[in-house]
mmCIF file of all heavy atoms, coordinates in Angstrom:
data_MODEL
# 
_entry.id   MODEL 
# 
loop_
_atom_site.group_PDB 
_atom_site.id 
_atom_site.type_symbol 
_atom_site.label_atom_id 
_atom_site.label_alt_id 
_atom_site.label_comp_id 
_atom_site.label_asym_id 
_atom_site.label_entity_id 
_atom_site.label_seq_id 
_atom_site.pdbx_PDB_ins_code 
_atom_site.Cartn_x 
_atom_site.Cartn_y 
_atom_site.Cartn_z 
_atom_site.occupancy 
_atom_site.B_iso_or_equiv 
_atom_site.pdbx_formal_charge 
_atom_site.auth_seq_id 
_atom_site.auth_comp_id 
_atom_site.auth_asym_id 
_atom_site.auth_atom_id 
_atom_site.pdbx_PDB_model_num 
ATOM 1   N N   . GLN A 1 1  ? 4.277  10.029  9.010  1.00 0.00 ? 1  GLN A N   1 
ATOM 2   C CA  . GLN A 1 1  ? 4.636  8.774   8.354  1.00 0.00 ? 1  GLN A CA  1 
ATOM 3   C C   . GLN A 1 1  ? 3.399  8.032   7.842  1.00 0.00 ? 1  GLN A C   1 
ATOM 4   O O   . GLN A 1 1  ? 3.488  7.284   6.868  1.00 0.00 ? 1  GLN A O   1 
ATOM 5   C CB  . GLN A 1 1  ? 5.412  7.885   9.322  1.00 0.00 ? 1  GLN A CB  1 
ATOM 6   C CG  . GLN A 1 1  ? 6.748  8.479   9.747  1.00 0.00 ? 1  GLN A CG  1 
ATOM 7   C CD  . GLN A 1 1  ? 7.368  7.728   10.904 1.00 0.00 ? 1  GLN A CD  1 
ATOM 8   O OE1 . GLN A 1 1  ? 6.695  7.004   11.635 1.00 0.00 ? 1  GLN A OE1 1 
ATOM 9   N NE2 . GLN A 1 1  ? 8.673  7.935   11.110 1.00 0.00 ? 1  GLN A NE2 1 
ATOM 10  N N   . LYS A 1 2  ? 2.296  8.259   8.491  1.00 0.00 ? 2  LYS A N   1 
ATOM 11  C CA  . LYS A 1 2  ? 1.061  7.580   8.099  1.00 0.00 ? 2  LYS A CA  1 
ATOM 12  C C   . LYS A 1 2  ? 0.691  7.922   6.654  1.00 0.00 ? 2  LYS A C   1 
ATOM 13  O O   . LYS A 1 2  ? 0.337  7.039   5.858  1.00 0.00 ? 2  LYS A O   1 
ATOM 14  C CB  . LYS A 1 2  ? -0.070 7.976   9.057  1.00 0.00 ? 2  LYS A CB  1 
ATOM 15  C CG  . LYS A 1 2  ? -1.406 7.307   8.792  1.00 0.00 ? 2  LYS A CG  1 
ATOM 16  C CD  . LYS A 1 2  ? -2.415 7.713   9.866  1.00 0.00 ? 2  LYS A CD  1 
ATOM 17  C CE  . LYS A 1 2  ? -3.780 7.089   9.600  1.00 0.00 ? 2  LYS A CE  1 
ATOM 18  N NZ  . LYS A 1 2  ? -4.763 7.481   10.655 1.00 0.00 ? 2  LYS A NZ  1 
ATOM 19  N N   . GLY A 1 3  ? 0.761  9.207   6.310  1.00 0.00 ? 3  GLY A N   1 
ATOM 20  C CA  . GLY A 1 3  ? 0.413  9.629   4.960  1.00 0.00 ? 3  GLY A CA  1 
ATOM 21  C C   . GLY A 1 3  ? 1.347  9.057   3.913  1.00 0.00 ? 3  GLY A C   1 
ATOM 22  O O   . GLY A 1 3  ? 0.933  8.758   2.784  1.00 0.00 ? 3  GLY A O   1 
ATOM 23  N N   . ILE A 1 4  ? 2.614  8.878   4.269  1.00 0.00 ? 4  ILE A N   1 
ATOM 24  C CA  . ILE A 1 4  ? 3.588  8.317   3.321  1.00 0.00 ? 4  ILE A CA  1 
ATOM 25  C C   . ILE A 1 4  ? 3.249  6.863   3.017  1.00 0.00 ? 4  ILE A C   1 
ATOM 26  O O   . ILE A 1 4  ? 3.312  6.414   1.871  1.00 0.00 ? 4  ILE A O   1 
ATOM 27  C CB  . ILE A 1 4  ? 5.013  8.441   3.880  1.00 0.00 ? 4  ILE A CB  1 
ATOM 28  C CG1 . ILE A 1 4  ? 5.391  9.915   4.052  1.00 0.00 ? 4  ILE A CG1 1 
ATOM 29  C CG2 . ILE A 1 4  ? 6.014  7.745   2.962  1.00 0.00 ? 4  ILE A CG2 1 
ATOM 30  C CD1 . ILE A 1 4  ? 6.715  10.122  4.764  1.00 0.00 ? 4  ILE A CD1 1 
ATOM 31  N N   . VAL A 1 5  ? 2.883  6.112   4.050  1.00 0.00 ? 5  VAL A N   1 
ATOM 32  C CA  . VAL A 1 5  ? 2.527  4.701   3.846  1.00 0.00 ? 5  VAL A CA  1 
ATOM 33  C C   . VAL A 1 5  ? 1.256  4.575   3.016  1.00 0.00 ? 5  VAL A C   1 
ATOM 34  O O   . VAL A 1 5  ? 1.160  3.717   2.131  1.00 0.00 ? 5  VAL A O   1 
ATOM 35  C CB  . VAL A 1 5  ? 2.368  3.979   5.206  1.00 0.00 ? 5  VAL A CB  1 
ATOM 36  C CG1 . VAL A 1 5  ? 1.897  2.537   4.993  1.00 0.00 ? 5  VAL A CG1 1 
ATOM 37  C CG2 . VAL A 1 5  ? 3.678  3.999   5.985  1.00 0.00 ? 5  VAL A CG2 1 
ATOM 38  N N   . ILE A 1 6  ? 0.286  5.457   3.280  1.00 0.00 ? 6  ILE A N   1 
ATOM 39  C CA  . ILE A 1 6  ? -0.982 5.385   2.544  1.00 0.00 ? 6  ILE A CA  1 
ATOM 40  C C   . ILE A 1 6  ? -0.802 5.868   1.110  1.00 0.00 ? 6  ILE A C   1 
ATOM 41  O O   . ILE A 1 6  ? -1.311 5.258   0.158  1.00 0.00 ? 6  ILE A O   1 
ATOM 42  C CB  . ILE A 1 6  ? -2.063 6.209   3.270  1.00 0.00 ? 6  ILE A CB  1 
ATOM 43  C CG1 . ILE A 1 6  ? -2.378 5.569   4.626  1.00 0.00 ? 6  ILE A CG1 1 
ATOM 44  C CG2 . ILE A 1 6  ? -3.329 6.314   2.411  1.00 0.00 ? 6  ILE A CG2 1 
ATOM 45  C CD1 . ILE A 1 6  ? -3.295 6.388   5.503  1.00 0.00 ? 6  ILE A CD1 1 
ATOM 46  N N   . GLY A 1 7  ? -0.063 6.959   0.919  1.00 0.00 ? 7  GLY A N   1 
ATOM 47  C CA  . GLY A 1 7  ? 0.183  7.482   -0.414 1.00 0.00 ? 7  GLY A CA  1 
ATOM 48  C C   . GLY A 1 7  ? -0.994 8.264   -0.957 1.00 0.00 ? 7  GLY A C   1 
ATOM 49  O O   . GLY A 1 7  ? -2.096 8.267   -0.391 1.00 0.00 ? 7  GLY A O   1 
ATOM 50  N N   . ALA A 1 8  ? -0.783 8.956   -2.073 1.00 0.00 ? 8  ALA A N   1 
ATOM 51  C CA  . ALA A 1 8  ? -1.838 9.763   -2.698 1.00 0.00 ? 8  ALA A CA  1 
ATOM 52  C C   . ALA A 1 8  ? -2.990 8.882   -3.133 1.00 0.00 ? 8  ALA A C   1 
ATOM 53  O O   . ALA A 1 8  ? -2.795 7.907   -3.866 1.00 0.00 ? 8  ALA A O   1 
ATOM 54  C CB  . ALA A 1 8  ? -1.265 10.514  -3.900 1.00 0.00 ? 8  ALA A CB  1 
ATOM 55  N N   . GLY A 1 9  ? -4.177 9.216   -2.642 1.00 0.00 ? 9  GLY A N   1 
ATOM 56  C CA  . GLY A 1 9  ? -5.362 8.442   -3.000 1.00 0.00 ? 9  GLY A CA  1 
ATOM 57  C C   . GLY A 1 9  ? -5.318 7.000   -2.532 1.00 0.00 ? 9  GLY A C   1 
ATOM 58  O O   . GLY A 1 9  ? -6.039 6.149   -3.063 1.00 0.00 ? 9  GLY A O   1 
ATOM 59  N N   . GLY A 1 10 ? -4.457 6.723   -1.544 1.00 0.00 ? 10 GLY A N   1 
ATOM 60  C CA  . GLY A 1 10 ? -4.328 5.348   -1.031 1.00 0.00 ? 10 GLY A CA  1 
ATOM 61  C C   . GLY A 1 10 ? -3.519 4.447   -1.939 1.00 0.00 ? 10 GLY A C   1 
ATOM 62  O O   . GLY A 1 10 ? -3.476 3.225   -1.726 1.00 0.00 ? 10 GLY A O   1 
ATOM 63  N N   . GLY A 1 11 ? -2.845 5.034   -2.938 1.00 0.00 ? 11 GLY A N   1 
ATOM 64  C CA  . GLY A 1 11 ? -2.142 4.225   -3.932 1.00 0.00 ? 11 GLY A CA  1 
ATOM 65  C C   . GLY A 1 11 ? -1.003 3.389   -3.384 1.00 0.00 ? 11 GLY A C   1 
ATOM 66  O O   . GLY A 1 11 ? -0.828 2.234   -3.778 1.00 0.00 ? 11 GLY A O   1 
ATOM 67  N N   . GLN A 1 12 ? -0.231 3.976   -2.470 1.00 0.00 ? 12 GLN A N   1 
ATOM 68  C CA  . GLN A 1 12 ? 0.902  3.224   -1.912 1.00 0.00 ? 12 GLN A CA  1 
ATOM 69  C C   . GLN A 1 12 ? 0.425  2.042   -1.081 1.00 0.00 ? 12 GLN A C   1 
ATOM 70  O O   . GLN A 1 12 ? 0.969  0.935   -1.166 1.00 0.00 ? 12 GLN A O   1 
ATOM 71  C CB  . GLN A 1 12 ? 1.769  4.153   -1.068 1.00 0.00 ? 12 GLN A CB  1 
ATOM 72  C CG  . GLN A 1 12 ? 3.037  3.523   -0.510 1.00 0.00 ? 12 GLN A CG  1 
ATOM 73  C CD  . GLN A 1 12 ? 4.084  3.281   -1.564 1.00 0.00 ? 12 GLN A CD  1 
ATOM 74  O OE1 . GLN A 1 12 ? 3.979  2.330   -2.349 1.00 0.00 ? 12 GLN A OE1 1 
ATOM 75  N NE2 . GLN A 1 12 ? 5.090  4.140   -1.617 1.00 0.00 ? 12 GLN A NE2 1 
ATOM 76  N N   . LEU A 1 13 ? -0.602 2.259   -0.278 1.00 0.00 ? 13 LEU A N   1 
ATOM 77  C CA  . LEU A 1 13 ? -1.126 1.192   0.570  1.00 0.00 ? 13 LEU A CA  1 
ATOM 78  C C   . LEU A 1 13 ? -1.703 0.054   -0.277 1.00 0.00 ? 13 LEU A C   1 
ATOM 79  O O   . LEU A 1 13 ? -1.541 -1.131  0.050  1.00 0.00 ? 13 LEU A O   1 
ATOM 80  C CB  . LEU A 1 13 ? -2.190 1.743   1.523  1.00 0.00 ? 13 LEU A CB  1 
ATOM 81  C CG  . LEU A 1 13 ? -2.649 0.799   2.635  1.00 0.00 ? 13 LEU A CG  1 
ATOM 82  C CD1 . LEU A 1 13 ? -1.485 0.441   3.551  1.00 0.00 ? 13 LEU A CD1 1 
ATOM 83  C CD2 . LEU A 1 13 ? -3.775 1.442   3.449  1.00 0.00 ? 13 LEU A CD2 1 
ATOM 84  N N   . LYS A 1 14 ? -2.373 0.421   -1.383 1.00 0.00 ? 14 LYS A N   1 
ATOM 85  C CA  . LYS A 1 14 ? -2.904 -0.609  -2.286 1.00 0.00 ? 14 LYS A CA  1 
ATOM 86  C C   . LYS A 1 14 ? -1.771 -1.438  -2.886 1.00 0.00 ? 14 LYS A C   1 
ATOM 87  O O   . LYS A 1 14 ? -1.880 -2.662  -3.020 1.00 0.00 ? 14 LYS A O   1 
ATOM 88  C CB  . LYS A 1 14 ? -3.723 0.047   -3.398 1.00 0.00 ? 14 LYS A CB  1 
ATOM 89  C CG  . LYS A 1 14 ? -5.053 0.622   -2.935 1.00 0.00 ? 14 LYS A CG  1 
ATOM 90  C CD  . LYS A 1 14 ? -5.779 1.322   -4.086 1.00 0.00 ? 14 LYS A CD  1 
ATOM 91  C CE  . LYS A 1 14 ? -7.060 1.976   -3.597 1.00 0.00 ? 14 LYS A CE  1 
ATOM 92  N NZ  . LYS A 1 14 ? -7.733 2.749   -4.679 1.00 0.00 ? 14 LYS A NZ  1 
ATOM 93  N N   . LYS A 1 15 ? -0.693 -0.765  -3.254 1.00 0.00 ? 15 LYS A N   1 
ATOM 94  C CA  . LYS A 1 15 ? 0.450  -1.470  -3.849 1.00 0.00 ? 15 LYS A CA  1 
ATOM 95  C C   . LYS A 1 15 ? 1.058  -2.437  -2.832 1.00 0.00 ? 15 LYS A C   1 
ATOM 96  O O   . LYS A 1 15 ? 1.383  -3.588  -3.160 1.00 0.00 ? 15 LYS A O   1 
ATOM 97  C CB  . LYS A 1 15 ? 1.486  -0.455  -4.308 1.00 0.00 ? 15 LYS A CB  1 
ATOM 98  C CG  . LYS A 1 15 ? 2.615  -1.045  -5.155 1.00 0.00 ? 15 LYS A CG  1 
ATOM 99  C CD  . LYS A 1 15 ? 3.644  0.004   -5.527 1.00 0.00 ? 15 LYS A CD  1 
ATOM 100 C CE  . LYS A 1 15 ? 3.048  1.111   -6.396 1.00 0.00 ? 15 LYS A CE  1 
ATOM 101 N NZ  . LYS A 1 15 ? 4.102  2.087   -6.824 1.00 0.00 ? 15 LYS A NZ  1 
ATOM 102 N N   . ILE A 1 16 ? 1.215  -1.965  -1.595 1.00 0.00 ? 16 ILE A N   1 
ATOM 103 C CA  . ILE A 1 16 ? 1.748  -2.815  -0.527 1.00 0.00 ? 16 ILE A CA  1 
ATOM 104 C C   . ILE A 1 16 ? 0.840  -4.019  -0.313 1.00 0.00 ? 16 ILE A C   1 
ATOM 105 O O   . ILE A 1 16 ? 1.300  -5.168  -0.240 1.00 0.00 ? 16 ILE A O   1 
ATOM 106 C CB  . ILE A 1 16 ? 1.897  -2.010  0.779  1.00 0.00 ? 16 ILE A CB  1 
ATOM 107 C CG1 . ILE A 1 16 ? 2.989  -0.948  0.629  1.00 0.00 ? 16 ILE A CG1 1 
ATOM 108 C CG2 . ILE A 1 16 ? 2.196  -2.919  1.975  1.00 0.00 ? 16 ILE A CG2 1 
ATOM 109 C CD1 . ILE A 1 16 ? 2.973  0.117   1.709  1.00 0.00 ? 16 ILE A CD1 1 
ATOM 110 N N   . GLY A 1 17 ? -0.459 -3.759  -0.226 1.00 0.00 ? 17 GLY A N   1 
ATOM 111 C CA  . GLY A 1 17 ? -1.418 -4.830  0.027  1.00 0.00 ? 17 GLY A CA  1 
ATOM 112 C C   . GLY A 1 17 ? -1.475 -5.846  -1.097 1.00 0.00 ? 17 GLY A C   1 
ATOM 113 O O   . GLY A 1 17 ? -1.530 -7.065  -0.851 1.00 0.00 ? 17 GLY A O   1 
ATOM 114 N N   . SER A 1 18 ? -1.461 -5.403  -2.336 1.00 0.00 ? 18 SER A N   1 
ATOM 115 C CA  . SER A 1 18 ? -1.543 -6.319  -3.478 1.00 0.00 ? 18 SER A CA  1 
ATOM 116 C C   . SER A 1 18 ? -0.334 -7.248  -3.531 1.00 0.00 ? 18 SER A C   1 
ATOM 117 O O   . SER A 1 18 ? -0.459 -8.461  -3.740 1.00 0.00 ? 18 SER A O   1 
ATOM 118 C CB  . SER A 1 18 ? -1.661 -5.538  -4.785 1.00 0.00 ? 18 SER A CB  1 
ATOM 119 O OG  . SER A 1 18 ? -2.877 -4.822  -4.824 1.00 0.00 ? 18 SER A OG  1 
ATOM 120 N N   . ALA A 1 19 ? 0.853  -6.670  -3.348 1.00 0.00 ? 19 ALA A N   1 
ATOM 121 C CA  . ALA A 1 19 ? 2.069  -7.485  -3.401 1.00 0.00 ? 19 ALA A CA  1 
ATOM 122 C C   . ALA A 1 19 ? 2.120  -8.473  -2.240 1.00 0.00 ? 19 ALA A C   1 
ATOM 123 O O   . ALA A 1 19 ? 2.506  -9.637  -2.408 1.00 0.00 ? 19 ALA A O   1 
ATOM 124 C CB  . ALA A 1 19 ? 3.299  -6.586  -3.397 1.00 0.00 ? 19 ALA A CB  1 
ATOM 125 N N   . ALA A 1 20 ? 1.741  -8.022  -1.044 1.00 0.00 ? 20 ALA A N   1 
ATOM 126 C CA  . ALA A 1 20 ? 1.748  -8.910  0.122  1.00 0.00 ? 20 ALA A CA  1 
ATOM 127 C C   . ALA A 1 20 ? 0.717  -10.028 -0.048 1.00 0.00 ? 20 ALA A C   1 
ATOM 128 O O   . ALA A 1 20 ? 0.989  -11.186 0.288  1.00 0.00 ? 20 ALA A O   1 
ATOM 129 C CB  . ALA A 1 20 ? 1.461  -8.110  1.392  1.00 0.00 ? 20 ALA A CB  1 
ATOM 130 N N   . ARG A 1 21 ? -0.455 -9.702  -0.576 1.00 0.00 ? 21 ARG A N   1 
ATOM 131 C CA  . ARG A 1 21 ? -1.485 -10.727 -0.775 1.00 0.00 ? 21 ARG A CA  1 
ATOM 132 C C   . ARG A 1 21 ? -1.012 -11.804 -1.741 1.00 0.00 ? 21 ARG A C   1 
ATOM 133 O O   . ARG A 1 21 ? -1.199 -13.004 -1.498 1.00 0.00 ? 21 ARG A O   1 
ATOM 134 C CB  . ARG A 1 21 ? -2.770 -10.078 -1.303 1.00 0.00 ? 21 ARG A CB  1 
ATOM 135 C CG  . ARG A 1 21 ? -3.872 -11.077 -1.641 1.00 0.00 ? 21 ARG A CG  1 
ATOM 136 C CD  . ARG A 1 21 ? -5.074 -10.402 -2.268 1.00 0.00 ? 21 ARG A CD  1 
ATOM 137 N NE  . ARG A 1 21 ? -4.719 -9.592  -3.421 1.00 0.00 ? 21 ARG A NE  1 
ATOM 138 C CZ  . ARG A 1 21 ? -4.448 -10.100 -4.635 1.00 0.00 ? 21 ARG A CZ  1 
ATOM 139 N NH1 . ARG A 1 21 ? -4.477 -11.419 -4.837 1.00 0.00 ? 21 ARG A NH1 1 
ATOM 140 N NH2 . ARG A 1 21 ? -4.138 -9.293  -5.634 1.00 0.00 ? 21 ARG A NH2 1 
ATOM 141 N N   . ARG A 1 22 ? -0.373 -11.405 -2.840 1.00 0.00 ? 22 ARG A N   1 
ATOM 142 C CA  . ARG A 1 22 ? 0.111  -12.393 -3.802 1.00 0.00 ? 22 ARG A CA  1 
ATOM 143 C C   . ARG A 1 22 ? 1.164  -13.310 -3.164 1.00 0.00 ? 22 ARG A C   1 
ATOM 144 O O   . ARG A 1 22 ? 1.190  -14.518 -3.409 1.00 0.00 ? 22 ARG A O   1 
ATOM 145 C CB  . ARG A 1 22 ? 0.687  -11.687 -5.027 1.00 0.00 ? 22 ARG A CB  1 
ATOM 146 C CG  . ARG A 1 22 ? -0.357 -11.017 -5.894 1.00 0.00 ? 22 ARG A CG  1 
ATOM 147 C CD  . ARG A 1 22 ? 0.214  -10.602 -7.242 1.00 0.00 ? 22 ARG A CD  1 
ATOM 148 N NE  . ARG A 1 22 ? 1.266  -9.599  -7.120 1.00 0.00 ? 22 ARG A NE  1 
ATOM 149 C CZ  . ARG A 1 22 ? 1.061  -8.289  -7.144 1.00 0.00 ? 22 ARG A CZ  1 
ATOM 150 N NH1 . ARG A 1 22 ? -0.183 -7.814  -7.278 1.00 0.00 ? 22 ARG A NH1 1 
ATOM 151 N NH2 . ARG A 1 22 ? 2.066  -7.446  -7.042 1.00 0.00 ? 22 ARG A NH2 1 
ATOM 152 N N   . ALA A 1 23 ? 2.027  -12.718 -2.334 1.00 0.00 ? 23 ALA A N   1 
ATOM 153 C CA  . ALA A 1 23 ? 3.046  -13.525 -1.660 1.00 0.00 ? 23 ALA A CA  1 
ATOM 154 C C   . ALA A 1 23 ? 2.407  -14.513 -0.689 1.00 0.00 ? 23 ALA A C   1 
ATOM 155 O O   . ALA A 1 23 ? 2.835  -15.669 -0.575 1.00 0.00 ? 23 ALA A O   1 
ATOM 156 C CB  . ALA A 1 23 ? 4.031  -12.613 -0.925 1.00 0.00 ? 23 ALA A CB  1 
ATOM 157 N N   . MET A 1 24 ? 1.361  -14.082 0.010  1.00 0.00 ? 24 MET A N   1 
ATOM 158 C CA  . MET A 1 24 ? 0.646  -14.977 0.922  1.00 0.00 ? 24 MET A CA  1 
ATOM 159 C C   . MET A 1 24 ? -0.010 -16.122 0.166  1.00 0.00 ? 24 MET A C   1 
ATOM 160 O O   . MET A 1 24 ? 0.021  -17.282 0.606  1.00 0.00 ? 24 MET A O   1 
ATOM 161 C CB  . MET A 1 24 ? -0.409 -14.189 1.709  1.00 0.00 ? 24 MET A CB  1 
ATOM 162 C CG  . MET A 1 24 ? 0.143  -13.213 2.724  1.00 0.00 ? 24 MET A CG  1 
ATOM 163 S SD  . MET A 1 24 ? -1.188 -12.252 3.500  1.00 0.00 ? 24 MET A SD  1 
ATOM 164 C CE  . MET A 1 24 ? -0.269 -10.857 4.151  1.00 0.00 ? 24 MET A CE  1 
# 
């Protein structure tokens, strides 16, 4: 599951982080 959350090249994790940061 860790790899799924991180995504290829960290892309999924970056997307999660960017959206969460904007909401914060």
